[in-house]
N, C-alpha and C. Protein backbone atom coordinates (compact mmCIF):
# COMPACT_ATOMS: atom_id res chain seq x y z
N UNK A 1 0.84 -1.19 0.00
CA UNK A 1 0.00 0.00 0.00
C UNK A 1 0.87 1.24 0.00
N UNK A 2 0.61 2.19 -0.92
CA UNK A 2 1.36 3.44 -0.98
C UNK A 2 1.12 4.25 0.29
N UNK A 3 2.11 5.06 0.67
CA UNK A 3 1.94 5.92 1.84
C UNK A 3 0.89 6.99 1.56
N UNK A 4 0.94 7.57 0.35
CA UNK A 4 -0.02 8.59 -0.06
C UNK A 4 -0.75 8.12 -1.30
N UNK A 5 -2.06 8.12 -1.25
CA UNK A 5 -2.88 7.72 -2.40
C UNK A 5 -3.88 8.84 -2.67
N UNK A 6 -3.82 9.42 -3.87
CA UNK A 6 -4.72 10.50 -4.26
C UNK A 6 -5.59 10.01 -5.41
N UNK A 7 -6.90 10.10 -5.22
CA UNK A 7 -7.83 9.54 -6.20
C UNK A 7 -8.83 10.60 -6.66
N UNK A 8 -8.74 10.98 -7.93
CA UNK A 8 -9.70 11.91 -8.57
C UNK A 8 -9.91 13.19 -7.76
N UNK A 9 -8.80 13.76 -7.30
CA UNK A 9 -8.89 14.94 -6.43
C UNK A 9 -8.94 16.23 -7.25
N UNK A 10 -9.93 17.05 -6.94
CA UNK A 10 -10.04 18.40 -7.49
C UNK A 10 -10.23 19.37 -6.33
N UNK A 11 -9.75 20.61 -6.54
CA UNK A 11 -9.94 21.65 -5.54
C UNK A 11 -10.33 22.94 -6.24
N UNK A 12 -11.48 23.47 -5.86
CA UNK A 12 -11.98 24.72 -6.44
C UNK A 12 -12.13 25.76 -5.35
N UNK A 13 -11.57 26.93 -5.58
CA UNK A 13 -11.73 28.06 -4.67
C UNK A 13 -12.74 29.03 -5.28
N UNK A 14 -13.57 29.61 -4.43
CA UNK A 14 -14.60 30.52 -4.91
C UNK A 14 -14.44 31.88 -4.27
N UNK A 15 -14.32 32.92 -5.10
CA UNK A 15 -14.26 34.30 -4.63
C UNK A 15 -15.41 35.05 -5.27
N UNK A 16 -16.45 35.31 -4.47
CA UNK A 16 -17.65 35.91 -5.04
C UNK A 16 -18.28 34.96 -6.04
N UNK A 17 -18.45 35.43 -7.27
CA UNK A 17 -19.02 34.58 -8.33
C UNK A 17 -17.96 33.90 -9.17
N UNK A 18 -16.70 34.11 -8.83
CA UNK A 18 -15.60 33.57 -9.63
C UNK A 18 -15.08 32.28 -8.99
N UNK A 19 -15.00 31.24 -9.81
CA UNK A 19 -14.44 29.96 -9.35
C UNK A 19 -13.08 29.74 -10.00
N UNK A 20 -12.12 29.33 -9.19
CA UNK A 20 -10.78 29.00 -9.69
C UNK A 20 -10.48 27.55 -9.34
N UNK A 21 -10.23 26.75 -10.36
CA UNK A 21 -9.92 25.33 -10.14
C UNK A 21 -8.42 25.19 -9.96
N UNK A 22 -7.97 25.01 -8.70
CA UNK A 22 -6.54 24.90 -8.40
C UNK A 22 -5.99 23.52 -8.73
N UNK A 23 -6.81 22.47 -8.55
CA UNK A 23 -6.43 21.10 -8.91
C UNK A 23 -7.58 20.49 -9.70
N UNK A 24 -7.21 19.70 -10.71
CA UNK A 24 -8.23 19.17 -11.62
C UNK A 24 -8.04 17.67 -11.84
N UNK A 25 -8.80 16.87 -11.08
CA UNK A 25 -8.87 15.42 -11.27
C UNK A 25 -7.47 14.77 -11.21
N UNK A 26 -6.82 14.91 -10.06
CA UNK A 26 -5.47 14.39 -9.85
C UNK A 26 -5.53 12.96 -9.34
N UNK A 27 -4.72 12.09 -9.93
CA UNK A 27 -4.54 10.72 -9.45
C UNK A 27 -3.06 10.42 -9.36
N UNK A 28 -2.61 9.97 -8.20
CA UNK A 28 -1.21 9.55 -8.07
C UNK A 28 -1.02 8.78 -6.77
N UNK A 29 0.09 8.06 -6.71
CA UNK A 29 0.47 7.31 -5.50
C UNK A 29 1.93 7.60 -5.19
N UNK A 30 2.22 7.79 -3.91
CA UNK A 30 3.58 8.06 -3.46
C UNK A 30 3.95 7.00 -2.43
N UNK A 31 5.04 6.31 -2.69
CA UNK A 31 5.45 5.19 -1.84
C UNK A 31 6.19 5.67 -0.59
N UNK A 32 6.37 4.77 0.35
CA UNK A 32 7.13 5.06 1.56
C UNK A 32 8.59 5.30 1.22
N UNK A 33 9.21 6.20 1.96
CA UNK A 33 10.63 6.54 1.81
C UNK A 33 10.95 7.10 0.42
N UNK A 34 9.99 7.83 -0.14
CA UNK A 34 10.19 8.46 -1.45
C UNK A 34 10.70 9.89 -1.27
N UNK A 35 11.28 10.45 -2.34
CA UNK A 35 11.79 11.82 -2.34
C UNK A 35 11.21 12.48 -3.58
N UNK A 36 10.10 13.20 -3.38
CA UNK A 36 9.23 13.61 -4.48
C UNK A 36 9.15 15.13 -4.58
N UNK A 37 9.21 15.62 -5.82
CA UNK A 37 9.10 17.05 -6.06
C UNK A 37 7.91 17.35 -6.96
N UNK A 38 7.17 18.40 -6.60
CA UNK A 38 6.16 18.97 -7.48
C UNK A 38 6.72 20.26 -8.06
N UNK A 39 6.73 20.37 -9.38
CA UNK A 39 7.28 21.55 -10.04
C UNK A 39 6.23 22.14 -10.98
N UNK A 40 6.41 23.42 -11.28
CA UNK A 40 5.49 24.10 -12.17
C UNK A 40 5.51 25.58 -11.90
N UNK A 41 4.96 26.38 -12.80
CA UNK A 41 4.96 27.83 -12.62
C UNK A 41 4.07 28.26 -11.46
N UNK A 42 4.20 29.52 -11.05
CA UNK A 42 3.32 30.07 -10.02
C UNK A 42 1.87 29.94 -10.46
N UNK A 43 1.02 29.51 -9.52
CA UNK A 43 -0.38 29.33 -9.84
C UNK A 43 -0.72 27.99 -10.47
N UNK A 44 0.26 27.11 -10.54
CA UNK A 44 0.02 25.80 -11.18
C UNK A 44 -0.68 24.81 -10.26
N UNK A 45 -0.70 25.08 -8.97
CA UNK A 45 -1.37 24.18 -8.02
C UNK A 45 -0.42 23.45 -7.08
N UNK A 46 0.87 23.82 -7.10
CA UNK A 46 1.85 23.10 -6.26
C UNK A 46 1.53 23.22 -4.77
N UNK A 47 1.34 24.45 -4.33
CA UNK A 47 1.07 24.66 -2.90
C UNK A 47 -0.26 24.04 -2.50
N UNK A 48 -1.26 24.14 -3.36
CA UNK A 48 -2.55 23.51 -3.08
C UNK A 48 -2.38 22.00 -2.92
N UNK A 49 -1.57 21.40 -3.79
CA UNK A 49 -1.33 19.96 -3.70
C UNK A 49 -0.68 19.61 -2.36
N UNK A 50 0.34 20.38 -1.97
CA UNK A 50 1.00 20.11 -0.69
C UNK A 50 0.03 20.31 0.48
N UNK A 51 -0.84 21.31 0.38
CA UNK A 51 -1.82 21.53 1.45
C UNK A 51 -2.81 20.37 1.56
N UNK A 52 -3.16 19.77 0.43
CA UNK A 52 -4.06 18.61 0.46
C UNK A 52 -3.39 17.42 1.14
N UNK A 53 -2.17 17.12 0.69
CA UNK A 53 -1.45 15.97 1.26
C UNK A 53 -1.09 16.21 2.72
N UNK A 54 -0.79 17.47 3.05
CA UNK A 54 -0.40 17.79 4.43
C UNK A 54 -1.56 17.97 5.38
N UNK A 55 -2.78 17.71 4.92
CA UNK A 55 -3.99 17.81 5.75
C UNK A 55 -4.23 19.23 6.27
N UNK A 56 -3.76 20.22 5.51
CA UNK A 56 -4.03 21.61 5.84
C UNK A 56 -5.31 22.10 5.17
N UNK A 57 -5.77 21.37 4.18
CA UNK A 57 -6.98 21.73 3.45
C UNK A 57 -7.64 20.45 2.95
N UNK A 58 -8.89 20.56 2.52
CA UNK A 58 -9.64 19.41 2.03
C UNK A 58 -10.00 19.60 0.56
N UNK A 59 -10.03 18.53 -0.21
CA UNK A 59 -10.40 18.65 -1.62
C UNK A 59 -11.89 18.95 -1.78
N UNK A 60 -12.23 19.58 -2.90
CA UNK A 60 -13.63 19.80 -3.23
C UNK A 60 -14.29 18.47 -3.58
N UNK A 61 -13.52 17.62 -4.26
CA UNK A 61 -14.00 16.26 -4.52
C UNK A 61 -12.79 15.34 -4.62
N UNK A 62 -13.05 14.05 -4.50
CA UNK A 62 -11.97 13.07 -4.55
C UNK A 62 -11.61 12.54 -3.18
N UNK A 63 -10.64 11.65 -3.17
CA UNK A 63 -10.26 10.93 -1.95
C UNK A 63 -8.75 11.03 -1.74
N UNK A 64 -8.33 11.25 -0.47
CA UNK A 64 -6.91 11.27 -0.12
C UNK A 64 -6.68 10.29 1.04
N UNK A 65 -5.79 9.33 0.82
CA UNK A 65 -5.42 8.39 1.87
C UNK A 65 -3.95 8.57 2.22
N UNK A 66 -3.66 8.66 3.50
CA UNK A 66 -2.28 8.74 3.99
C UNK A 66 -2.11 7.67 5.05
N UNK A 67 -1.13 6.80 4.81
CA UNK A 67 -0.89 5.69 5.73
C UNK A 67 -2.17 4.89 5.96
N UNK A 68 -2.91 4.68 4.85
CA UNK A 68 -4.14 3.88 4.83
C UNK A 68 -5.29 4.53 5.61
N UNK A 69 -5.21 5.84 5.88
CA UNK A 69 -6.29 6.57 6.54
C UNK A 69 -6.88 7.58 5.55
N UNK A 70 -8.19 7.58 5.40
CA UNK A 70 -8.83 8.53 4.49
C UNK A 70 -8.96 9.88 5.19
N UNK A 71 -8.01 10.76 4.94
CA UNK A 71 -7.91 12.01 5.70
C UNK A 71 -8.88 13.08 5.21
N UNK A 72 -9.40 12.96 3.98
CA UNK A 72 -10.28 14.01 3.47
C UNK A 72 -11.63 14.05 4.19
N UNK A 73 -11.97 12.99 4.90
CA UNK A 73 -13.23 12.98 5.64
C UNK A 73 -13.06 13.43 7.09
N UNK A 74 -11.82 13.71 7.51
CA UNK A 74 -11.56 14.17 8.88
C UNK A 74 -12.08 15.60 9.07
N UNK A 75 -12.58 15.91 10.26
CA UNK A 75 -12.90 17.30 10.59
C UNK A 75 -11.60 18.04 10.95
N UNK A 76 -11.70 19.33 11.21
CA UNK A 76 -10.51 20.15 11.44
C UNK A 76 -9.70 19.65 12.63
N UNK A 77 -10.36 19.29 13.72
CA UNK A 77 -9.66 18.83 14.91
C UNK A 77 -8.92 17.52 14.65
N UNK A 78 -9.57 16.62 13.95
CA UNK A 78 -8.94 15.33 13.67
C UNK A 78 -7.78 15.48 12.69
N UNK A 79 -7.93 16.40 11.72
CA UNK A 79 -6.81 16.65 10.80
C UNK A 79 -5.61 17.21 11.54
N UNK A 80 -5.86 18.11 12.48
CA UNK A 80 -4.77 18.70 13.27
C UNK A 80 -4.04 17.64 14.09
N UNK A 81 -4.79 16.75 14.69
CA UNK A 81 -4.18 15.67 15.48
C UNK A 81 -3.38 14.74 14.58
N UNK A 82 -3.92 14.44 13.41
CA UNK A 82 -3.22 13.56 12.46
C UNK A 82 -1.92 14.20 11.99
N UNK A 83 -1.96 15.50 11.65
CA UNK A 83 -0.74 16.22 11.25
C UNK A 83 0.32 16.15 12.34
N UNK A 84 -0.11 16.39 13.57
CA UNK A 84 0.84 16.40 14.68
C UNK A 84 1.54 15.07 14.88
N UNK A 85 0.82 13.99 14.63
CA UNK A 85 1.37 12.66 14.88
C UNK A 85 2.11 12.07 13.68
N UNK A 86 1.75 12.47 12.46
CA UNK A 86 2.25 11.76 11.27
C UNK A 86 3.05 12.62 10.29
N UNK A 87 2.90 13.97 10.36
CA UNK A 87 3.44 14.82 9.30
C UNK A 87 4.31 15.93 9.87
N UNK A 88 5.49 16.14 9.25
CA UNK A 88 6.35 17.26 9.59
C UNK A 88 6.31 18.30 8.48
N UNK A 89 6.62 19.56 8.82
CA UNK A 89 6.57 20.64 7.84
C UNK A 89 7.86 21.45 7.86
N UNK A 90 8.34 21.80 6.66
CA UNK A 90 9.49 22.68 6.50
C UNK A 90 9.05 23.84 5.63
N UNK A 91 9.29 25.08 6.10
CA UNK A 91 8.80 26.26 5.42
C UNK A 91 9.95 27.04 4.80
N UNK A 92 9.65 27.75 3.69
CA UNK A 92 10.70 28.53 3.04
C UNK A 92 11.18 29.67 3.91
N UNK A 93 10.32 30.18 4.80
CA UNK A 93 10.70 31.29 5.69
C UNK A 93 11.16 30.79 7.06
N UNK A 94 11.42 29.49 7.16
CA UNK A 94 11.97 28.81 8.34
C UNK A 94 10.95 28.68 9.48
N UNK A 95 10.22 29.79 9.79
CA UNK A 95 9.19 29.77 10.84
C UNK A 95 9.74 29.33 12.20
N UNK A 96 10.95 29.75 12.51
CA UNK A 96 11.51 29.50 13.83
C UNK A 96 11.06 30.58 14.80
N UNK A 97 10.90 30.22 16.06
CA UNK A 97 10.55 31.20 17.08
C UNK A 97 11.80 32.01 17.44
N UNK A 98 11.79 33.33 17.24
CA UNK A 98 13.01 34.13 17.44
C UNK A 98 13.49 34.17 18.89
N UNK A 99 12.58 33.94 19.85
CA UNK A 99 12.97 34.03 21.27
C UNK A 99 13.43 32.68 21.82
N UNK A 100 13.43 31.65 20.97
CA UNK A 100 13.87 30.32 21.40
C UNK A 100 15.18 29.96 20.73
N UNK A 101 16.03 29.23 21.43
CA UNK A 101 17.27 28.75 20.84
C UNK A 101 16.98 27.65 19.82
N UNK A 102 18.01 27.26 19.08
CA UNK A 102 17.85 26.15 18.14
C UNK A 102 17.32 24.91 18.87
N UNK A 103 17.91 24.61 20.01
CA UNK A 103 17.49 23.45 20.81
C UNK A 103 16.01 23.58 21.19
N UNK A 104 15.62 24.76 21.66
CA UNK A 104 14.25 24.97 22.14
C UNK A 104 13.25 24.95 20.98
N UNK A 105 13.64 25.44 19.81
CA UNK A 105 12.76 25.37 18.65
C UNK A 105 12.47 23.93 18.27
N UNK A 106 13.48 23.09 18.34
CA UNK A 106 13.30 21.67 18.02
C UNK A 106 12.50 20.97 19.12
N UNK A 107 12.65 21.42 20.35
CA UNK A 107 11.93 20.83 21.47
C UNK A 107 10.43 21.13 21.42
N UNK A 108 10.08 22.25 20.83
CA UNK A 108 8.69 22.74 20.89
C UNK A 108 7.65 21.68 20.50
N UNK A 109 7.75 21.01 19.34
CA UNK A 109 6.71 20.02 19.01
C UNK A 109 6.71 18.81 19.93
N UNK A 110 7.84 18.51 20.55
CA UNK A 110 7.87 17.38 21.48
C UNK A 110 7.10 17.70 22.76
N UNK A 111 7.03 18.98 23.11
CA UNK A 111 6.27 19.41 24.28
C UNK A 111 4.80 19.60 23.92
N UNK A 112 4.55 20.33 22.83
CA UNK A 112 3.19 20.73 22.49
C UNK A 112 2.38 19.63 21.81
N UNK A 113 3.05 18.73 21.08
CA UNK A 113 2.32 17.71 20.32
C UNK A 113 2.50 16.32 20.93
N UNK A 114 3.75 15.96 21.19
CA UNK A 114 4.04 14.61 21.66
C UNK A 114 3.99 14.47 23.17
N UNK A 115 4.19 15.59 23.89
CA UNK A 115 4.21 15.57 25.36
C UNK A 115 5.21 14.55 25.90
N UNK A 116 6.41 14.54 25.29
CA UNK A 116 7.46 13.62 25.72
C UNK A 116 8.09 14.08 27.04
N UNK A 117 8.49 13.15 27.90
CA UNK A 117 9.17 13.54 29.15
C UNK A 117 10.54 14.15 28.86
N UNK A 118 11.07 14.86 29.84
CA UNK A 118 12.29 15.65 29.66
C UNK A 118 13.47 14.84 29.14
N UNK A 119 13.77 13.72 29.74
CA UNK A 119 14.95 12.94 29.34
C UNK A 119 14.79 12.38 27.92
N UNK A 120 13.57 11.97 27.57
CA UNK A 120 13.33 11.48 26.22
C UNK A 120 13.48 12.62 25.21
N UNK A 121 12.97 13.81 25.57
CA UNK A 121 13.11 14.97 24.69
C UNK A 121 14.59 15.28 24.44
N UNK A 122 15.36 15.28 25.49
CA UNK A 122 16.79 15.59 25.37
C UNK A 122 17.49 14.61 24.45
N UNK A 123 17.20 13.34 24.61
CA UNK A 123 17.80 12.30 23.76
C UNK A 123 17.45 12.51 22.29
N UNK A 124 16.18 12.76 22.01
CA UNK A 124 15.73 12.95 20.63
C UNK A 124 16.33 14.20 20.01
N UNK A 125 16.37 15.29 20.77
CA UNK A 125 16.85 16.57 20.24
C UNK A 125 18.34 16.51 19.95
N UNK A 126 19.11 15.99 20.87
CA UNK A 126 20.56 15.93 20.66
C UNK A 126 20.90 15.00 19.49
N UNK A 127 20.15 13.92 19.35
CA UNK A 127 20.39 13.00 18.23
C UNK A 127 20.10 13.67 16.89
N UNK A 128 18.98 14.39 16.80
CA UNK A 128 18.64 15.02 15.52
C UNK A 128 19.54 16.21 15.23
N UNK A 129 19.96 16.94 16.26
CA UNK A 129 20.92 18.03 16.06
C UNK A 129 22.24 17.49 15.51
N UNK A 130 22.66 16.38 16.03
CA UNK A 130 23.88 15.75 15.52
C UNK A 130 23.70 15.30 14.07
N UNK A 131 22.53 14.78 13.74
CA UNK A 131 22.26 14.29 12.39
C UNK A 131 22.31 15.41 11.35
N UNK A 132 21.91 16.63 11.74
CA UNK A 132 21.92 17.76 10.80
C UNK A 132 23.15 18.66 11.00
N UNK A 133 24.13 18.15 11.75
CA UNK A 133 25.39 18.87 11.97
C UNK A 133 25.18 20.25 12.60
N UNK A 134 24.28 20.32 13.58
CA UNK A 134 24.02 21.59 14.25
C UNK A 134 24.18 21.49 15.77
N UNK A 135 24.82 20.44 16.23
CA UNK A 135 24.96 20.24 17.66
C UNK A 135 25.72 21.39 18.32
N UNK A 136 26.73 21.90 17.64
CA UNK A 136 27.53 22.98 18.22
C UNK A 136 26.85 24.35 18.13
N UNK A 137 25.66 24.38 17.51
CA UNK A 137 24.90 25.64 17.40
C UNK A 137 23.62 25.60 18.22
N UNK A 138 23.47 24.61 19.07
CA UNK A 138 22.19 24.35 19.73
C UNK A 138 21.71 25.47 20.64
N UNK A 139 22.63 26.28 21.19
CA UNK A 139 22.24 27.33 22.13
C UNK A 139 22.12 28.70 21.48
N UNK A 140 22.25 28.76 20.16
CA UNK A 140 22.13 30.03 19.46
C UNK A 140 20.68 30.31 19.09
N UNK A 141 20.36 31.61 19.02
CA UNK A 141 19.04 32.04 18.61
C UNK A 141 19.01 32.18 17.08
N UNK A 142 17.82 32.14 16.46
CA UNK A 142 17.74 32.20 15.00
C UNK A 142 18.50 33.37 14.38
N UNK A 143 18.48 34.55 15.01
CA UNK A 143 19.17 35.70 14.40
C UNK A 143 20.69 35.59 14.49
N UNK A 144 21.18 34.55 15.15
CA UNK A 144 22.61 34.29 15.21
C UNK A 144 23.04 33.22 14.21
N UNK A 145 22.08 32.73 13.42
CA UNK A 145 22.35 31.65 12.48
C UNK A 145 22.22 32.15 11.04
N UNK A 146 22.95 31.50 10.13
CA UNK A 146 22.81 31.79 8.70
C UNK A 146 21.51 31.18 8.19
N UNK A 147 21.12 31.54 6.96
CA UNK A 147 19.92 30.97 6.37
C UNK A 147 19.99 29.46 6.28
N UNK A 148 21.13 28.94 5.84
CA UNK A 148 21.29 27.50 5.74
C UNK A 148 21.20 26.81 7.09
N UNK A 149 21.77 27.44 8.11
CA UNK A 149 21.70 26.87 9.46
C UNK A 149 20.27 26.89 9.99
N UNK A 150 19.55 27.96 9.72
CA UNK A 150 18.14 28.03 10.15
C UNK A 150 17.33 26.91 9.51
N UNK A 151 17.59 26.65 8.22
CA UNK A 151 16.83 25.59 7.55
C UNK A 151 17.21 24.22 8.08
N UNK A 152 18.46 24.04 8.50
CA UNK A 152 18.85 22.79 9.15
C UNK A 152 18.08 22.58 10.45
N UNK A 153 17.92 23.66 11.21
CA UNK A 153 17.14 23.58 12.45
C UNK A 153 15.68 23.27 12.11
N UNK A 154 15.16 23.89 11.06
CA UNK A 154 13.78 23.63 10.65
C UNK A 154 13.59 22.18 10.23
N UNK A 155 14.58 21.62 9.54
CA UNK A 155 14.52 20.21 9.15
C UNK A 155 14.55 19.32 10.39
N UNK A 156 15.42 19.67 11.33
CA UNK A 156 15.50 18.90 12.58
C UNK A 156 14.18 18.95 13.34
N UNK A 157 13.57 20.12 13.38
CA UNK A 157 12.28 20.25 14.07
C UNK A 157 11.21 19.41 13.39
N UNK A 158 11.22 19.38 12.06
CA UNK A 158 10.23 18.58 11.32
C UNK A 158 10.41 17.09 11.57
N UNK A 159 11.64 16.66 11.80
CA UNK A 159 11.94 15.23 11.92
C UNK A 159 11.95 14.70 13.35
N UNK A 160 12.02 15.61 14.33
CA UNK A 160 12.23 15.16 15.71
C UNK A 160 11.04 14.36 16.24
N UNK A 161 9.85 14.58 15.68
CA UNK A 161 8.67 13.82 16.12
C UNK A 161 8.56 12.48 15.40
N UNK A 162 9.55 12.19 14.55
CA UNK A 162 9.63 10.93 13.81
C UNK A 162 8.40 10.69 12.92
N UNK A 163 8.07 11.69 12.08
CA UNK A 163 6.91 11.54 11.20
C UNK A 163 7.22 10.60 10.03
N UNK A 164 6.18 10.05 9.45
CA UNK A 164 6.36 9.22 8.26
C UNK A 164 6.47 10.07 6.99
N UNK A 165 5.99 11.32 7.09
CA UNK A 165 5.89 12.18 5.92
C UNK A 165 6.31 13.59 6.29
N UNK A 166 7.14 14.21 5.44
CA UNK A 166 7.54 15.61 5.64
C UNK A 166 7.18 16.40 4.39
N UNK A 167 6.49 17.52 4.59
CA UNK A 167 6.10 18.40 3.51
C UNK A 167 7.00 19.64 3.54
N UNK A 168 7.51 20.03 2.36
CA UNK A 168 8.40 21.19 2.29
C UNK A 168 8.01 22.05 1.09
N UNK A 169 7.43 23.22 1.37
CA UNK A 169 6.98 24.12 0.31
C UNK A 169 8.08 25.13 0.00
N UNK A 170 8.73 24.98 -1.16
CA UNK A 170 9.85 25.84 -1.58
C UNK A 170 10.90 25.97 -0.47
N UNK A 171 11.46 24.86 0.02
CA UNK A 171 12.35 24.91 1.19
C UNK A 171 13.66 25.64 0.95
N UNK A 172 14.03 25.90 -0.31
CA UNK A 172 15.31 26.56 -0.58
C UNK A 172 15.12 27.96 -1.17
N UNK A 173 13.89 28.47 -1.18
CA UNK A 173 13.60 29.73 -1.87
C UNK A 173 14.38 30.91 -1.30
N UNK A 174 14.66 30.89 0.00
CA UNK A 174 15.34 32.03 0.63
C UNK A 174 16.82 31.76 0.89
N UNK A 175 17.38 30.78 0.18
CA UNK A 175 18.77 30.41 0.40
C UNK A 175 19.61 30.68 -0.84
N UNK A 176 20.92 30.89 -0.64
CA UNK A 176 21.81 31.03 -1.78
C UNK A 176 22.03 29.66 -2.41
N UNK A 177 22.70 29.67 -3.58
CA UNK A 177 22.84 28.44 -4.37
C UNK A 177 23.51 27.32 -3.57
N UNK A 178 24.63 27.62 -2.92
CA UNK A 178 25.35 26.58 -2.19
C UNK A 178 24.53 26.04 -1.03
N UNK A 179 23.89 26.95 -0.28
CA UNK A 179 23.06 26.51 0.85
C UNK A 179 21.88 25.68 0.38
N UNK A 180 21.32 26.06 -0.78
CA UNK A 180 20.18 25.32 -1.33
C UNK A 180 20.56 23.87 -1.62
N UNK A 181 21.69 23.69 -2.28
CA UNK A 181 22.15 22.34 -2.62
C UNK A 181 22.44 21.54 -1.35
N UNK A 182 23.09 22.19 -0.37
CA UNK A 182 23.42 21.51 0.89
C UNK A 182 22.15 21.07 1.63
N UNK A 183 21.15 21.95 1.63
CA UNK A 183 19.91 21.63 2.35
C UNK A 183 19.15 20.49 1.68
N UNK A 184 19.06 20.52 0.35
CA UNK A 184 18.30 19.47 -0.33
C UNK A 184 19.01 18.12 -0.20
N UNK A 185 20.34 18.13 -0.20
CA UNK A 185 21.08 16.89 -0.01
C UNK A 185 20.97 16.40 1.43
N UNK A 186 20.89 17.33 2.37
CA UNK A 186 20.65 16.94 3.76
C UNK A 186 19.30 16.26 3.89
N UNK A 187 18.30 16.80 3.23
CA UNK A 187 16.97 16.18 3.25
C UNK A 187 17.02 14.76 2.69
N UNK A 188 17.79 14.57 1.63
CA UNK A 188 17.92 13.21 1.07
C UNK A 188 18.62 12.29 2.06
N UNK A 189 19.65 12.79 2.73
CA UNK A 189 20.34 11.98 3.74
C UNK A 189 19.39 11.58 4.86
N UNK A 190 18.55 12.54 5.28
CA UNK A 190 17.60 12.26 6.35
C UNK A 190 16.55 11.26 5.89
N UNK A 191 16.17 11.35 4.62
CA UNK A 191 15.24 10.36 4.06
C UNK A 191 15.82 8.96 4.14
N UNK A 192 17.10 8.84 3.77
CA UNK A 192 17.75 7.53 3.80
C UNK A 192 17.93 7.03 5.23
N UNK A 193 18.25 7.95 6.15
CA UNK A 193 18.50 7.53 7.55
C UNK A 193 17.22 7.13 8.27
N UNK A 194 16.13 7.89 8.06
CA UNK A 194 14.91 7.68 8.84
C UNK A 194 13.78 7.03 8.03
N UNK A 195 14.02 6.75 6.74
CA UNK A 195 13.00 6.18 5.85
C UNK A 195 11.74 7.04 5.81
N UNK A 196 11.96 8.35 5.88
CA UNK A 196 10.87 9.31 5.82
C UNK A 196 10.58 9.69 4.37
N UNK A 197 9.32 9.85 4.03
CA UNK A 197 8.95 10.34 2.71
C UNK A 197 8.97 11.87 2.72
N UNK A 198 9.71 12.45 1.79
CA UNK A 198 9.76 13.90 1.63
C UNK A 198 8.99 14.29 0.36
N UNK A 199 8.10 15.25 0.50
CA UNK A 199 7.39 15.81 -0.65
C UNK A 199 7.60 17.31 -0.63
N UNK A 200 8.15 17.85 -1.71
CA UNK A 200 8.43 19.29 -1.71
C UNK A 200 8.08 19.91 -3.05
N UNK A 201 7.91 21.22 -3.02
CA UNK A 201 7.69 21.98 -4.24
C UNK A 201 8.90 22.87 -4.48
N UNK A 202 9.16 23.20 -5.74
CA UNK A 202 10.32 24.04 -6.04
C UNK A 202 10.20 24.63 -7.44
N UNK A 203 10.86 25.79 -7.62
CA UNK A 203 11.05 26.39 -8.94
C UNK A 203 12.48 26.17 -9.43
N UNK A 204 13.34 25.71 -8.55
CA UNK A 204 14.78 25.69 -8.79
C UNK A 204 15.18 24.45 -9.61
N UNK A 205 15.68 24.64 -10.85
CA UNK A 205 16.06 23.49 -11.68
C UNK A 205 17.12 22.60 -11.04
N UNK A 206 18.07 23.19 -10.31
CA UNK A 206 19.11 22.38 -9.67
C UNK A 206 18.52 21.49 -8.58
N UNK A 207 17.54 22.02 -7.89
CA UNK A 207 16.90 21.24 -6.83
C UNK A 207 16.06 20.12 -7.44
N UNK A 208 15.43 20.40 -8.57
CA UNK A 208 14.64 19.36 -9.25
C UNK A 208 15.49 18.14 -9.57
N UNK A 209 16.74 18.39 -9.92
CA UNK A 209 17.63 17.28 -10.30
C UNK A 209 17.90 16.33 -9.14
N UNK A 210 17.74 16.81 -7.91
CA UNK A 210 18.00 15.98 -6.74
C UNK A 210 16.82 15.08 -6.39
N UNK A 211 15.65 15.38 -6.94
CA UNK A 211 14.46 14.57 -6.64
C UNK A 211 14.55 13.21 -7.31
N UNK A 212 14.01 12.20 -6.66
CA UNK A 212 13.93 10.86 -7.24
C UNK A 212 12.73 10.75 -8.19
N UNK A 213 11.65 11.45 -7.84
CA UNK A 213 10.44 11.46 -8.64
C UNK A 213 9.97 12.90 -8.77
N UNK A 214 9.64 13.33 -9.98
CA UNK A 214 9.17 14.69 -10.21
C UNK A 214 7.81 14.66 -10.90
N UNK A 215 6.87 15.41 -10.34
CA UNK A 215 5.56 15.59 -10.95
C UNK A 215 5.45 17.04 -11.43
N UNK A 216 5.05 17.21 -12.68
CA UNK A 216 4.84 18.54 -13.24
C UNK A 216 3.36 18.91 -13.15
N UNK A 217 3.11 20.08 -12.59
CA UNK A 217 1.75 20.58 -12.50
C UNK A 217 1.61 21.81 -13.41
N UNK A 218 0.59 21.80 -14.24
CA UNK A 218 0.28 22.93 -15.12
C UNK A 218 -1.22 23.15 -15.07
N UNK A 219 -1.62 24.34 -14.61
CA UNK A 219 -3.05 24.68 -14.50
C UNK A 219 -3.83 23.61 -13.74
N UNK A 220 -3.23 23.14 -12.66
CA UNK A 220 -3.93 22.19 -11.80
C UNK A 220 -3.99 20.77 -12.28
N UNK A 221 -3.25 20.46 -13.36
CA UNK A 221 -3.25 19.11 -13.90
C UNK A 221 -1.84 18.56 -13.93
N UNK A 222 -1.70 17.26 -13.73
CA UNK A 222 -0.41 16.61 -13.89
C UNK A 222 -0.09 16.46 -15.36
N UNK A 223 1.18 16.76 -15.72
CA UNK A 223 1.55 16.62 -17.12
C UNK A 223 2.85 15.84 -17.24
């Protein structure tokens, strides 16, 4: 069974009398431990697709299964609980708390979502910091870190809860070329180490080359 199964999914947004079809009858399957990229121009439906798979939004029609659970029928509370337990997120703007250290930013989901005890949290955080080569930066605040270092912390935070699936919307958009390549390769290393499925969107041709599977979206359709 695929980790992600999308069946005849469409998404229509309505503004007044105007309807915009962001996704149009999408069918695809994504296996466990995959490294998948959605590419396409702005407005092609990439972010909408990631929002559907990440349980941040629901399709207008169609079915979405993640880890054999039909998530499109979940209410908002159940989707939030499912995201917390099964899905990690990496954002292009990092979304780190400026008043928390790198260590504390990574600790946050373990307290708020997993409610792990102190010693277990410490073990998980130090292990993931070591995995992303940020152990020596653990006590620094985000404004003391480079863009690439911030994204490493964001990757560590996404992985510390041990999710089966990580969603990354334009994860290298705010990074320079070298940092972008380093971050995407780090994500691949983490995929291999933890058998996590990574799904990301990108405009960057160099980043596309690192993906194992690439889906092209044009006007809400796979091409």
